[in-house]
């Protein structure tokens, strides 16, 4: 069964580039023992999470008005959820690297601290 194309809800290209950069920087922080780069990953993870929530909200509105888009919309939601999870994992690596270098736990703390 063919489905109509999904209108662009979020710029997946920019989000995937952001997440790819997070993964690269997580490994760079680990290899170079760079605590500041590791800590900075948390800020980018917040941006990814905000974009994910925005996409969910927009997708909900779209699908309530266009039920024929449910299947491709669901696929987009799953795709973006997996991408968002990769960003979470990169941020987790950053938190572990920060602990390795500084000996301080930053997981479950506010970013401003």
PDB file of N, CA and C in Angstrom:
ATOM      1  N   UNK A   1       0.845  -1.183   0.000  1.00  0.00           N
ATOM      2  CA  UNK A   1       0.000   0.000   0.000  1.00  0.00           C
ATOM      3  C   UNK A   1       0.890   1.246   0.000  1.00  0.00           C
ATOM      4  N   UNK A   2       0.585   2.174  -0.858  1.00  0.00           N
ATOM      5  CA  UNK A   2       1.346   3.421  -0.951  1.00  0.00           C
ATOM      6  C   UNK A   2       0.762   4.457   0.007  1.00  0.00           C
ATOM      7  N   UNK A   3       1.640   5.214   0.606  1.00  0.00           N
ATOM      8  CA  UNK A   3       1.229   6.265   1.533  1.00  0.00           C
ATOM      9  C   UNK A   3       1.651   7.614   0.977  1.00  0.00           C
ATOM     10  N   UNK A   4       0.883   8.655   1.310  1.00  0.00           N
ATOM     11  CA  UNK A   4       1.289   9.987   0.858  1.00  0.00           C
ATOM     12  C   UNK A   4       2.591  10.387   1.548  1.00  0.00           C
ATOM     13  N   UNK A   5       3.373  11.238   0.908  1.00  0.00           N
ATOM     14  CA  UNK A   5       4.637  11.656   1.531  1.00  0.00           C
ATOM     15  C   UNK A   5       4.385  12.501   2.775  1.00  0.00           C
ATOM     16  N   UNK A   6       5.297  12.374   3.706  1.00  0.00           N
ATOM     17  CA  UNK A   6       5.225  13.161   4.940  1.00  0.00           C
ATOM     18  C   UNK A   6       5.716  14.575   4.673  1.00  0.00           C
ATOM     19  N   UNK A   7       4.973  15.556   5.121  1.00  0.00           N
ATOM     20  CA  UNK A   7       5.510  16.917   5.034  1.00  0.00           C
ATOM     21  C   UNK A   7       6.675  17.055   6.013  1.00  0.00           C
ATOM     22  N   UNK A   8       7.625  17.928   5.718  1.00  0.00           N
ATOM     23  CA  UNK A   8       8.761  18.077   6.640  1.00  0.00           C
ATOM     24  C   UNK A   8       8.302  18.654   7.977  1.00  0.00           C
ATOM     25  N   UNK A   9       8.563  17.923   9.040  1.00  0.00           N
ATOM     26  CA  UNK A   9       8.174  18.366  10.382  1.00  0.00           C
ATOM     27  C   UNK A   9       9.381  18.963  11.091  1.00  0.00           C
ATOM     28  N   UNK A  10      10.496  18.264  11.022  1.00  0.00           N
ATOM     29  CA  UNK A  10      11.756  18.770  11.567  1.00  0.00           C
ATOM     30  C   UNK A  10      12.827  18.572  10.509  1.00  0.00           C
ATOM     31  N   UNK A  11      13.889  19.297  10.644  1.00  0.00           N
ATOM     32  CA  UNK A  11      15.013  19.160   9.720  1.00  0.00           C
ATOM     33  C   UNK A  11      15.871  17.989  10.195  1.00  0.00           C
ATOM     34  N   UNK A  12      15.552  16.794   9.680  1.00  0.00           N
ATOM     35  CA  UNK A  12      16.272  15.599  10.113  1.00  0.00           C
ATOM     36  C   UNK A  12      17.762  15.683   9.788  1.00  0.00           C
ATOM     37  N   UNK A  13      18.099  16.348   8.718  1.00  0.00           N
ATOM     38  CA  UNK A  13      19.505  16.471   8.344  1.00  0.00           C
ATOM     39  C   UNK A  13      20.294  17.193   9.425  1.00  0.00           C
ATOM     40  N   UNK A  14      19.775  18.304   9.920  1.00  0.00           N
ATOM     41  CA  UNK A  14      20.512  19.053  10.950  1.00  0.00           C
ATOM     42  C   UNK A  14      20.546  18.290  12.270  1.00  0.00           C
ATOM     43  N   UNK A  15      19.467  17.593  12.590  1.00  0.00           N
ATOM     44  CA  UNK A  15      19.443  16.815  13.831  1.00  0.00           C
ATOM     45  C   UNK A  15      20.429  15.655  13.759  1.00  0.00           C
ATOM     46  N   UNK A  16      20.469  14.972  12.619  1.00  0.00           N
ATOM     47  CA  UNK A  16      21.405  13.848  12.502  1.00  0.00           C
ATOM     48  C   UNK A  16      22.851  14.341  12.520  1.00  0.00           C
ATOM     49  N   UNK A  17      23.117  15.516  11.948  1.00  0.00           N
ATOM     50  CA  UNK A  17      24.463  16.078  12.017  1.00  0.00           C
ATOM     51  C   UNK A  17      24.834  16.437  13.455  1.00  0.00           C
ATOM     52  N   UNK A  18      23.878  16.977  14.202  1.00  0.00           N
ATOM     53  CA  UNK A  18      24.111  17.306  15.603  1.00  0.00           C
ATOM     54  C   UNK A  18      24.441  16.046  16.400  1.00  0.00           C
ATOM     55  N   UNK A  19      23.666  14.989  16.187  1.00  0.00           N
ATOM     56  CA  UNK A  19      23.878  13.743  16.921  1.00  0.00           C
ATOM     57  C   UNK A  19      25.189  13.083  16.493  1.00  0.00           C
ATOM     58  N   UNK A  20      25.484  13.119  15.205  1.00  0.00           N
ATOM     59  CA  UNK A  20      26.745  12.559  14.731  1.00  0.00           C
ATOM     60  C   UNK A  20      27.923  13.298  15.358  1.00  0.00           C
ATOM     61  N   UNK A  21      27.817  14.603  15.465  1.00  0.00           N
ATOM     62  CA  UNK A  21      28.858  15.387  16.127  1.00  0.00           C
ATOM     63  C   UNK A  21      28.987  15.023  17.595  1.00  0.00           C
ATOM     64  N   UNK A  22      27.864  14.754  18.241  1.00  0.00           N
ATOM     65  CA  UNK A  22      27.904  14.344  19.644  1.00  0.00           C
ATOM     66  C   UNK A  22      28.661  13.031  19.813  1.00  0.00           C
ATOM     67  N   UNK A  23      28.385  12.075  18.939  1.00  0.00           N
ATOM     68  CA  UNK A  23      29.070  10.775  19.023  1.00  0.00           C
ATOM     69  C   UNK A  23      30.568  10.961  18.798  1.00  0.00           C
ATOM     70  N   UNK A  24      30.918  11.721  17.771  1.00  0.00           N
ATOM     71  CA  UNK A  24      32.336  11.976  17.508  1.00  0.00           C
ATOM     72  C   UNK A  24      33.015  12.657  18.689  1.00  0.00           C
ATOM     73  N   UNK A  25      32.355  13.663  19.255  1.00  0.00           N
ATOM     74  CA  UNK A  25      32.944  14.386  20.385  1.00  0.00           C
ATOM     75  C   UNK A  25      33.013  13.528  21.646  1.00  0.00           C
ATOM     76  N   UNK A  26      32.065  12.608  21.815  1.00  0.00           N
ATOM     77  CA  UNK A  26      32.121  11.711  22.975  1.00  0.00           C
ATOM     78  C   UNK A  26      33.378  10.855  22.906  1.00  0.00           C
ATOM     79  N   UNK A  27      33.657  10.327  21.722  1.00  0.00           N
ATOM     80  CA  UNK A  27      34.870   9.518  21.575  1.00  0.00           C
ATOM     81  C   UNK A  27      36.130  10.371  21.675  1.00  0.00           C
ATOM     82  N   UNK A  28      36.101  11.570  21.110  1.00  0.00           N
ATOM     83  CA  UNK A  28      37.248  12.476  21.228  1.00  0.00           C
ATOM     84  C   UNK A  28      37.511  12.829  22.689  1.00  0.00           C
ATOM     85  N   UNK A  29      36.440  13.099  23.433  1.00  0.00           N
ATOM     86  CA  UNK A  29      36.599  13.429  24.851  1.00  0.00           C
ATOM     87  C   UNK A  29      37.212  12.259  25.614  1.00  0.00           C
ATOM     88  N   UNK A  30      36.805  11.060  25.272  1.00  0.00           N
ATOM     89  CA  UNK A  30      37.352   9.879  25.938  1.00  0.00           C
ATOM     90  C   UNK A  30      38.832   9.692  25.603  1.00  0.00           C
ATOM     91  N   UNK A  31      39.149   9.734  24.332  1.00  0.00           N
ATOM     92  CA  UNK A  31      40.525   9.497  23.898  1.00  0.00           C
ATOM     93  C   UNK A  31      41.458  10.580  24.435  1.00  0.00           C
ATOM     94  N   UNK A  32      41.000  11.822  24.425  1.00  0.00           N
ATOM     95  CA  UNK A  32      41.845  12.946  24.834  1.00  0.00           C
ATOM     96  C   UNK A  32      41.655  13.359  26.290  1.00  0.00           C
ATOM     97  N   UNK A  33      40.780  12.630  27.005  1.00  0.00           N
ATOM     98  CA  UNK A  33      40.494  12.934  28.412  1.00  0.00           C
ATOM     99  C   UNK A  33      40.116  14.404  28.592  1.00  0.00           C
ATOM    100  N   UNK A  34      39.209  14.853  27.744  1.00  0.00           N
ATOM    101  CA  UNK A  34      38.777  16.247  27.715  1.00  0.00           C
ATOM    102  C   UNK A  34      37.458  16.378  28.480  1.00  0.00           C
ATOM    103  N   UNK A  35      37.536  16.797  29.721  1.00  0.00           N
ATOM    104  CA  UNK A  35      36.355  16.886  30.585  1.00  0.00           C
ATOM    105  C   UNK A  35      35.384  17.962  30.114  1.00  0.00           C
ATOM    106  N   UNK A  36      35.898  19.071  29.633  1.00  0.00           N
ATOM    107  CA  UNK A  36      35.010  20.158  29.215  1.00  0.00           C
ATOM    108  C   UNK A  36      34.201  19.768  27.980  1.00  0.00           C
ATOM    109  N   UNK A  37      34.836  19.120  27.025  1.00  0.00           N
ATOM    110  CA  UNK A  37      34.107  18.641  25.844  1.00  0.00           C
ATOM    111  C   UNK A  37      33.071  17.606  26.265  1.00  0.00           C
ATOM    112  N   UNK A  38      33.439  16.749  27.185  1.00  0.00           N
ATOM    113  CA  UNK A  38      32.516  15.726  27.676  1.00  0.00           C
ATOM    114  C   UNK A  38      31.294  16.365  28.337  1.00  0.00           C
ATOM    115  N   UNK A  39      31.526  17.384  29.145  1.00  0.00           N
ATOM    116  CA  UNK A  39      30.424  18.059  29.845  1.00  0.00           C
ATOM    117  C   UNK A  39      29.524  18.803  28.868  1.00  0.00           C
ATOM    118  N   UNK A  40      30.104  19.351  27.799  1.00  0.00           N
ATOM    119  CA  UNK A  40      29.345  20.120  26.819  1.00  0.00           C
ATOM    120  C   UNK A  40      28.330  19.258  26.072  1.00  0.00           C
ATOM    121  N   UNK A  41      28.555  17.959  26.024  1.00  0.00           N
ATOM    122  CA  UNK A  41      27.621  17.064  25.342  1.00  0.00           C
ATOM    123  C   UNK A  41      26.228  17.117  25.961  1.00  0.00           C
ATOM    124  N   UNK A  42      26.163  17.366  27.250  1.00  0.00           N
ATOM    125  CA  UNK A  42      24.861  17.440  27.927  1.00  0.00           C
ATOM    126  C   UNK A  42      24.012  18.570  27.369  1.00  0.00           C
ATOM    127  N   UNK A  43      24.640  19.701  27.043  1.00  0.00           N
ATOM    128  CA  UNK A  43      23.893  20.836  26.499  1.00  0.00           C
ATOM    129  C   UNK A  43      23.315  20.511  25.129  1.00  0.00           C
ATOM    130  N   UNK A  44      24.102  19.824  24.313  1.00  0.00           N
ATOM    131  CA  UNK A  44      23.600  19.438  22.994  1.00  0.00           C
ATOM    132  C   UNK A  44      22.505  18.391  23.112  1.00  0.00           C
ATOM    133  N   UNK A  45      22.592  17.532  24.121  1.00  0.00           N
ATOM    134  CA  UNK A  45      21.545  16.530  24.322  1.00  0.00           C
ATOM    135  C   UNK A  45      20.215  17.206  24.648  1.00  0.00           C
ATOM    136  N   UNK A  46      20.270  18.293  25.389  1.00  0.00           N
ATOM    137  CA  UNK A  46      19.036  19.037  25.694  1.00  0.00           C
ATOM    138  C   UNK A  46      18.423  19.563  24.404  1.00  0.00           C
ATOM    139  N   UNK A  47      19.236  20.066  23.496  1.00  0.00           N
ATOM    140  CA  UNK A  47      18.739  20.558  22.204  1.00  0.00           C
ATOM    141  C   UNK A  47      18.080  19.428  21.414  1.00  0.00           C
ATOM    142  N   UNK A  48      18.702  18.262  21.401  1.00  0.00           N
ATOM    143  CA  UNK A  48      18.119  17.109  20.703  1.00  0.00           C
ATOM    144  C   UNK A  48      16.787  16.734  21.340  1.00  0.00           C
ATOM    145  N   UNK A  49      16.724  16.713  22.662  1.00  0.00           N
ATOM    146  CA  UNK A  49      15.483  16.365  23.360  1.00  0.00           C
ATOM    147  C   UNK A  49      14.379  17.371  23.072  1.00  0.00           C
ATOM    148  N   UNK A  50      14.731  18.647  23.044  1.00  0.00           N
ATOM    149  CA  UNK A  50      13.731  19.681  22.735  1.00  0.00           C
ATOM    150  C   UNK A  50      13.210  19.528  21.309  1.00  0.00           C
ATOM    151  N   UNK A  51      14.096  19.234  20.372  1.00  0.00           N
ATOM    152  CA  UNK A  51      13.685  19.038  18.984  1.00  0.00           C
ATOM    153  C   UNK A  51      12.806  17.810  18.855  1.00  0.00           C
ATOM    154  N   UNK A  52      13.141  16.745  19.576  1.00  0.00           N
ATOM    155  CA  UNK A  52      12.324  15.531  19.571  1.00  0.00           C
ATOM    156  C   UNK A  52      10.922  15.836  20.093  1.00  0.00           C
ATOM    157  N   UNK A  53      10.821  16.556  21.196  1.00  0.00           N
ATOM    158  CA  UNK A  53       9.509  16.882  21.751  1.00  0.00           C
ATOM    159  C   UNK A  53       8.709  17.759  20.794  1.00  0.00           C
ATOM    160  N   UNK A  54       9.376  18.694  20.145  1.00  0.00           N
ATOM    161  CA  UNK A  54       8.710  19.546  19.157  1.00  0.00           C
ATOM    162  C   UNK A  54       8.161  18.693  18.012  1.00  0.00           C
ATOM    163  N   UNK A  55       8.960  17.724  17.553  1.00  0.00           N
ATOM    164  CA  UNK A  55       8.519  16.843  16.476  1.00  0.00           C
ATOM    165  C   UNK A  55       7.320  16.017  16.907  1.00  0.00           C
ATOM    166  N   UNK A  56       7.331  15.500  18.118  1.00  0.00           N
ATOM    167  CA  UNK A  56       6.206  14.702  18.624  1.00  0.00           C
ATOM    168  C   UNK A  56       4.935  15.555  18.655  1.00  0.00           C
ATOM    169  N   UNK A  57       5.046  16.778  19.151  1.00  0.00           N
ATOM    170  CA  UNK A  57       3.886  17.665  19.223  1.00  0.00           C
ATOM    171  C   UNK A  57       3.336  17.983  17.831  1.00  0.00           C
ATOM    172  N   UNK A  58       4.217  18.311  16.906  1.00  0.00           N
ATOM    173  CA  UNK A  58       3.787  18.639  15.550  1.00  0.00           C
ATOM    174  C   UNK A  58       3.217  17.415  14.837  1.00  0.00           C
ATOM    175  N   UNK A  59       3.826  16.268  15.076  1.00  0.00           N
ATOM    176  CA  UNK A  59       3.350  15.033  14.466  1.00  0.00           C
ATOM    177  C   UNK A  59       1.960  14.679  14.981  1.00  0.00           C
ATOM    178  N   UNK A  60       1.720  14.866  16.251  1.00  0.00           N
ATOM    179  CA  UNK A  60       0.403  14.603  16.825  1.00  0.00           C
ATOM    180  C   UNK A  60      -0.663  15.471  16.153  1.00  0.00           C
ATOM    181  N   UNK A  61      -0.377  16.749  16.013  1.00  0.00           N
ATOM    182  CA  UNK A  61      -1.329  17.645  15.357  1.00  0.00           C
ATOM    183  C   UNK A  61      -1.565  17.242  13.909  1.00  0.00           C
ATOM    184  N   UNK A  62      -0.510  16.889  13.215  1.00  0.00           N
ATOM    185  CA  UNK A  62      -0.632  16.493  11.816  1.00  0.00           C
ATOM    186  C   UNK A  62      -1.464  15.224  11.669  1.00  0.00           C
ATOM    187  N   UNK A  63      -1.198  14.236  12.495  1.00  0.00           N
ATOM    188  CA  UNK A  63      -1.875  12.950  12.358  1.00  0.00           C
ATOM    189  C   UNK A  63      -3.330  12.996  12.793  1.00  0.00           C
ATOM    190  N   UNK A  64      -3.670  13.898  13.686  1.00  0.00           N
ATOM    191  CA  UNK A  64      -5.076  14.013  14.062  1.00  0.00           C
ATOM    192  C   UNK A  64      -5.901  14.591  12.918  1.00  0.00           C
ATOM    193  N   UNK A  65      -5.263  15.361  12.036  1.00  0.00           N
ATOM    194  CA  UNK A  65      -5.972  15.951  10.901  1.00  0.00           C
ATOM    195  C   UNK A  65      -5.809  15.159   9.612  1.00  0.00           C
ATOM    196  N   UNK A  66      -4.801  14.313   9.533  1.00  0.00           N
ATOM    197  CA  UNK A  66      -4.545  13.537   8.314  1.00  0.00           C
ATOM    198  C   UNK A  66      -4.249  12.080   8.666  1.00  0.00           C
ATOM    199  N   UNK A  67      -5.300  11.291   8.938  1.00  0.00           N
ATOM    200  CA  UNK A  67      -5.087   9.907   9.368  1.00  0.00           C
ATOM    201  C   UNK A  67      -4.367   9.033   8.341  1.00  0.00           C
ATOM    202  N   UNK A  68      -4.360   9.413   7.076  1.00  0.00           N
ATOM    203  CA  UNK A  68      -3.647   8.618   6.069  1.00  0.00           C
ATOM    204  C   UNK A  68      -2.135   8.657   6.284  1.00  0.00           C
ATOM    205  N   UNK A  69      -1.688   9.591   7.082  1.00  0.00           N
ATOM    206  CA  UNK A  69      -0.252   9.716   7.349  1.00  0.00           C
ATOM    207  C   UNK A  69       0.191   8.961   8.602  1.00  0.00           C
ATOM    208  N   UNK A  70      -0.713   8.208   9.201  1.00  0.00           N
ATOM    209  CA  UNK A  70      -0.377   7.521  10.453  1.00  0.00           C
ATOM    210  C   UNK A  70       0.802   6.565  10.260  1.00  0.00           C
ATOM    211  N   UNK A  71       0.761   5.721   9.232  1.00  0.00           N
ATOM    212  CA  UNK A  71       1.862   4.764   9.034  1.00  0.00           C
ATOM    213  C   UNK A  71       3.204   5.462   8.797  1.00  0.00           C
ATOM    214  N   UNK A  72       3.315   6.388   7.836  1.00  0.00           N
ATOM    215  CA  UNK A  72       4.614   7.046   7.687  1.00  0.00           C
ATOM    216  C   UNK A  72       4.974   7.922   8.891  1.00  0.00           C
ATOM    217  N   UNK A  73       3.971   8.472   9.557  1.00  0.00           N
ATOM    218  CA  UNK A  73       4.235   9.274  10.750  1.00  0.00           C
ATOM    219  C   UNK A  73       4.795   8.431  11.879  1.00  0.00           C
ATOM    220  N   UNK A  74       4.259   7.232  12.017  1.00  0.00           N
ATOM    221  CA  UNK A  74       4.748   6.316  13.041  1.00  0.00           C
ATOM    222  C   UNK A  74       6.193   5.910  12.747  1.00  0.00           C
ATOM    223  N   UNK A  75       6.485   5.669  11.477  1.00  0.00           N
ATOM    224  CA  UNK A  75       7.855   5.329  11.085  1.00  0.00           C
ATOM    225  C   UNK A  75       8.814   6.478  11.398  1.00  0.00           C
ATOM    226  N   UNK A  76       8.380   7.707  11.134  1.00  0.00           N
ATOM    227  CA  UNK A  76       9.202   8.877  11.442  1.00  0.00           C
ATOM    228  C   UNK A  76       9.433   8.994  12.944  1.00  0.00           C
ATOM    229  N   UNK A  77       8.395   8.746  13.717  1.00  0.00           N
ATOM    230  CA  UNK A  77       8.513   8.813  15.170  1.00  0.00           C
ATOM    231  C   UNK A  77       9.525   7.794  15.686  1.00  0.00           C
ATOM    232  N   UNK A  78       9.455   6.574  15.193  1.00  0.00           N
ATOM    233  CA  UNK A  78      10.391   5.526  15.628  1.00  0.00           C
ATOM    234  C   UNK A  78      11.819   5.883  15.216  1.00  0.00           C
ATOM    235  N   UNK A  79      11.981   6.352  13.977  1.00  0.00           N
ATOM    236  CA  UNK A  79      13.303   6.747  13.501  1.00  0.00           C
ATOM    237  C   UNK A  79      13.894   7.829  14.393  1.00  0.00           C
ATOM    238  N   UNK A  80      13.113   8.865  14.652  1.00  0.00           N
ATOM    239  CA  UNK A  80      13.618   9.976  15.443  1.00  0.00           C
ATOM    240  C   UNK A  80      13.881   9.536  16.881  1.00  0.00           C
ATOM    241  N   UNK A  81      13.061   8.649  17.402  1.00  0.00           N
ATOM    242  CA  UNK A  81      13.275   8.157  18.774  1.00  0.00           C
ATOM    243  C   UNK A  81      14.614   7.444  18.892  1.00  0.00           C
ATOM    244  N   UNK A  82      14.945   6.648  17.874  1.00  0.00           N
ATOM    245  CA  UNK A  82      16.235   5.961  17.898  1.00  0.00           C
ATOM    246  C   UNK A  82      17.387   6.956  17.787  1.00  0.00           C
ATOM    247  N   UNK A  83      17.235   7.959  16.950  1.00  0.00           N
ATOM    248  CA  UNK A  83      18.275   8.990  16.838  1.00  0.00           C
ATOM    249  C   UNK A  83      18.444   9.725  18.167  1.00  0.00           C
ATOM    250  N   UNK A  84      17.329  10.057  18.786  1.00  0.00           N
ATOM    251  CA  UNK A  84      17.373  10.759  20.075  1.00  0.00           C
ATOM    252  C   UNK A  84      18.082   9.903  21.114  1.00  0.00           C
ATOM    253  N   UNK A  85      17.868   8.603  21.056  1.00  0.00           N
ATOM    254  CA  UNK A  85      18.511   7.694  22.009  1.00  0.00           C
ATOM    255  C   UNK A  85      20.029   7.650  21.786  1.00  0.00           C
ATOM    256  N   UNK A  86      20.458   7.722  20.535  1.00  0.00           N
ATOM    257  CA  UNK A  86      21.899   7.776  20.250  1.00  0.00           C
ATOM    258  C   UNK A  86      22.496   9.029  20.895  1.00  0.00           C
ATOM    259  N   UNK A  87      21.776  10.148  20.808  1.00  0.00           N
ATOM    260  CA  UNK A  87      22.235  11.374  21.465  1.00  0.00           C
ATOM    261  C   UNK A  87      22.327  11.199  22.971  1.00  0.00           C
ATOM    262  N   UNK A  88      21.336  10.513  23.557  1.00  0.00           N
ATOM    263  CA  UNK A  88      21.377  10.236  24.997  1.00  0.00           C
ATOM    264  C   UNK A  88      22.619   9.422  25.361  1.00  0.00           C
ATOM    265  N   UNK A  89      22.908   8.420  24.556  1.00  0.00           N
ATOM    266  CA  UNK A  89      24.059   7.564  24.842  1.00  0.00           C
ATOM    267  C   UNK A  89      25.371   8.333  24.721  1.00  0.00           C
ATOM    268  N   UNK A  90      25.464   9.225  23.743  1.00  0.00           N
ATOM    269  CA  UNK A  90      26.669  10.055  23.614  1.00  0.00           C
ATOM    270  C   UNK A  90      26.828  10.945  24.840  1.00  0.00           C
ATOM    271  N   UNK A  91      25.721  11.515  25.321  1.00  0.00           N
ATOM    272  CA  UNK A  91      25.768  12.347  26.527  1.00  0.00           C
ATOM    273  C   UNK A  91      26.167  11.500  27.740  1.00  0.00           C
ATOM    274  N   UNK A  92      25.697  10.271  27.812  1.00  0.00           N
ATOM    275  CA  UNK A  92      26.075   9.378  28.910  1.00  0.00           C
ATOM    276  C   UNK A  92      27.568   9.080  28.889  1.00  0.00           C
ATOM    277  N   UNK A  93      28.103   8.866  27.700  1.00  0.00           N
ATOM    278  CA  UNK A  93      29.554   8.652  27.583  1.00  0.00           C
ATOM    279  C   UNK A  93      30.285   9.891  28.097  1.00  0.00           C
ATOM    280  N   UNK A  94      29.785  11.061  27.730  1.00  0.00           N
ATOM    281  CA  UNK A  94      30.394  12.299  28.203  1.00  0.00           C
ATOM    282  C   UNK A  94      30.388  12.396  29.718  1.00  0.00           C
ATOM    283  N   UNK A  95      29.295  12.003  30.338  1.00  0.00           N
ATOM    284  CA  UNK A  95      29.215  12.049  31.803  1.00  0.00           C
ATOM    285  C   UNK A  95      30.234  11.099  32.440  1.00  0.00           C
ATOM    286  N   UNK A  96      30.400   9.948  31.828  1.00  0.00           N
ATOM    287  CA  UNK A  96      31.371   8.980  32.351  1.00  0.00           C
ATOM    288  C   UNK A  96      32.801   9.486  32.155  1.00  0.00           C
ATOM    289  N   UNK A  97      33.058  10.104  31.008  1.00  0.00           N
ATOM    290  CA  UNK A  97      34.389  10.665  30.761  1.00  0.00           C
ATOM    291  C   UNK A  97      34.682  11.776  31.770  1.00  0.00           C
ATOM    292  N   UNK A  98      33.703  12.631  32.028  1.00  0.00           N
ATOM    293  CA  UNK A  98      33.887  13.709  32.998  1.00  0.00           C
ATOM    294  C   UNK A  98      34.259  13.126  34.363  1.00  0.00           C
ATOM    295  N   UNK A  99      33.565  12.067  34.762  1.00  0.00           N
ATOM    296  CA  UNK A  99      33.871  11.422  36.037  1.00  0.00           C
ATOM    297  C   UNK A  99      35.276  10.825  36.022  1.00  0.00           C
ATOM    298  N   UNK A 100      35.634  10.203  34.906  1.00  0.00           N
ATOM    299  CA  UNK A 100      36.957   9.594  34.776  1.00  0.00           C
ATOM    300  C   UNK A 100      38.063  10.630  34.936  1.00  0.00           C
ATOM    301  N   UNK A 101      37.857  11.812  34.342  1.00  0.00           N
ATOM    302  CA  UNK A 101      38.893  12.842  34.349  1.00  0.00           C
ATOM    303  C   UNK A 101      38.870  13.663  35.643  1.00  0.00           C
ATOM    304  N   UNK A 102      37.681  14.097  36.066  1.00  0.00           N
ATOM    305  CA  UNK A 102      37.567  15.021  37.200  1.00  0.00           C
ATOM    306  C   UNK A 102      37.246  14.339  38.527  1.00  0.00           C
ATOM    307  N   UNK A 103      36.705  13.128  38.466  1.00  0.00           N
ATOM    308  CA  UNK A 103      36.312  12.451  39.698  1.00  0.00           C
ATOM    309  C   UNK A 103      35.032  12.998  40.296  1.00  0.00           C
ATOM    310  N   UNK A 104      34.259  13.738  39.498  1.00  0.00           N
ATOM    311  CA  UNK A 104      32.999  14.322  39.954  1.00  0.00           C
ATOM    312  C   UNK A 104      31.836  13.746  39.145  1.00  0.00           C
ATOM    313  N   UNK A 105      30.765  13.433  39.855  1.00  0.00           N
ATOM    314  CA  UNK A 105      29.573  12.910  39.191  1.00  0.00           C
ATOM    315  C   UNK A 105      28.722  14.092  38.742  1.00  0.00           C
ATOM    316  N   UNK A 106      28.438  14.160  37.435  1.00  0.00           N
ATOM    317  CA  UNK A 106      27.560  15.225  36.927  1.00  0.00           C
ATOM    318  C   UNK A 106      26.232  14.664  36.452  1.00  0.00           C
ATOM    319  N   UNK A 107      26.111  13.350  36.436  1.00  0.00           N
ATOM    320  CA  UNK A 107      24.837  12.728  36.043  1.00  0.00           C
ATOM    321  C   UNK A 107      23.792  13.104  37.082  1.00  0.00           C
ATOM    322  N   UNK A 108      22.598  13.388  36.629  1.00  0.00           N
ATOM    323  CA  UNK A 108      21.465  13.743  37.499  1.00  0.00           C
ATOM    324  C   UNK A 108      21.677  15.074  38.223  1.00  0.00           C
ATOM    325  N   UNK A 109      22.481  15.942  37.653  1.00  0.00           N
ATOM    326  CA  UNK A 109      22.629  17.283  38.213  1.00  0.00           C
ATOM    327  C   UNK A 109      22.203  18.277  37.147  1.00  0.00           C
ATOM    328  N   UNK A 110      21.892  19.507  37.593  1.00  0.00           N
ATOM    329  CA  UNK A 110      21.536  20.555  36.634  1.00  0.00           C
ATOM    330  C   UNK A 110      22.751  20.967  35.844  1.00  0.00           C
ATOM    331  N   UNK A 111      22.506  21.377  34.615  1.00  0.00           N
ATOM    332  CA  UNK A 111      23.605  21.786  33.731  1.00  0.00           C
ATOM    333  C   UNK A 111      24.296  23.031  34.260  1.00  0.00           C
ATOM    334  N   UNK A 112      23.581  23.919  34.919  1.00  0.00           N
ATOM    335  CA  UNK A 112      24.152  25.177  35.377  1.00  0.00           C
ATOM    336  C   UNK A 112      25.231  24.957  36.440  1.00  0.00           C
ATOM    337  N   UNK A 113      25.244  23.807  37.077  1.00  0.00           N
ATOM    338  CA  UNK A 113      26.209  23.555  38.157  1.00  0.00           C
ATOM    339  C   UNK A 113      27.593  23.329  37.622  1.00  0.00           C
TER     340      UNK A 113
END
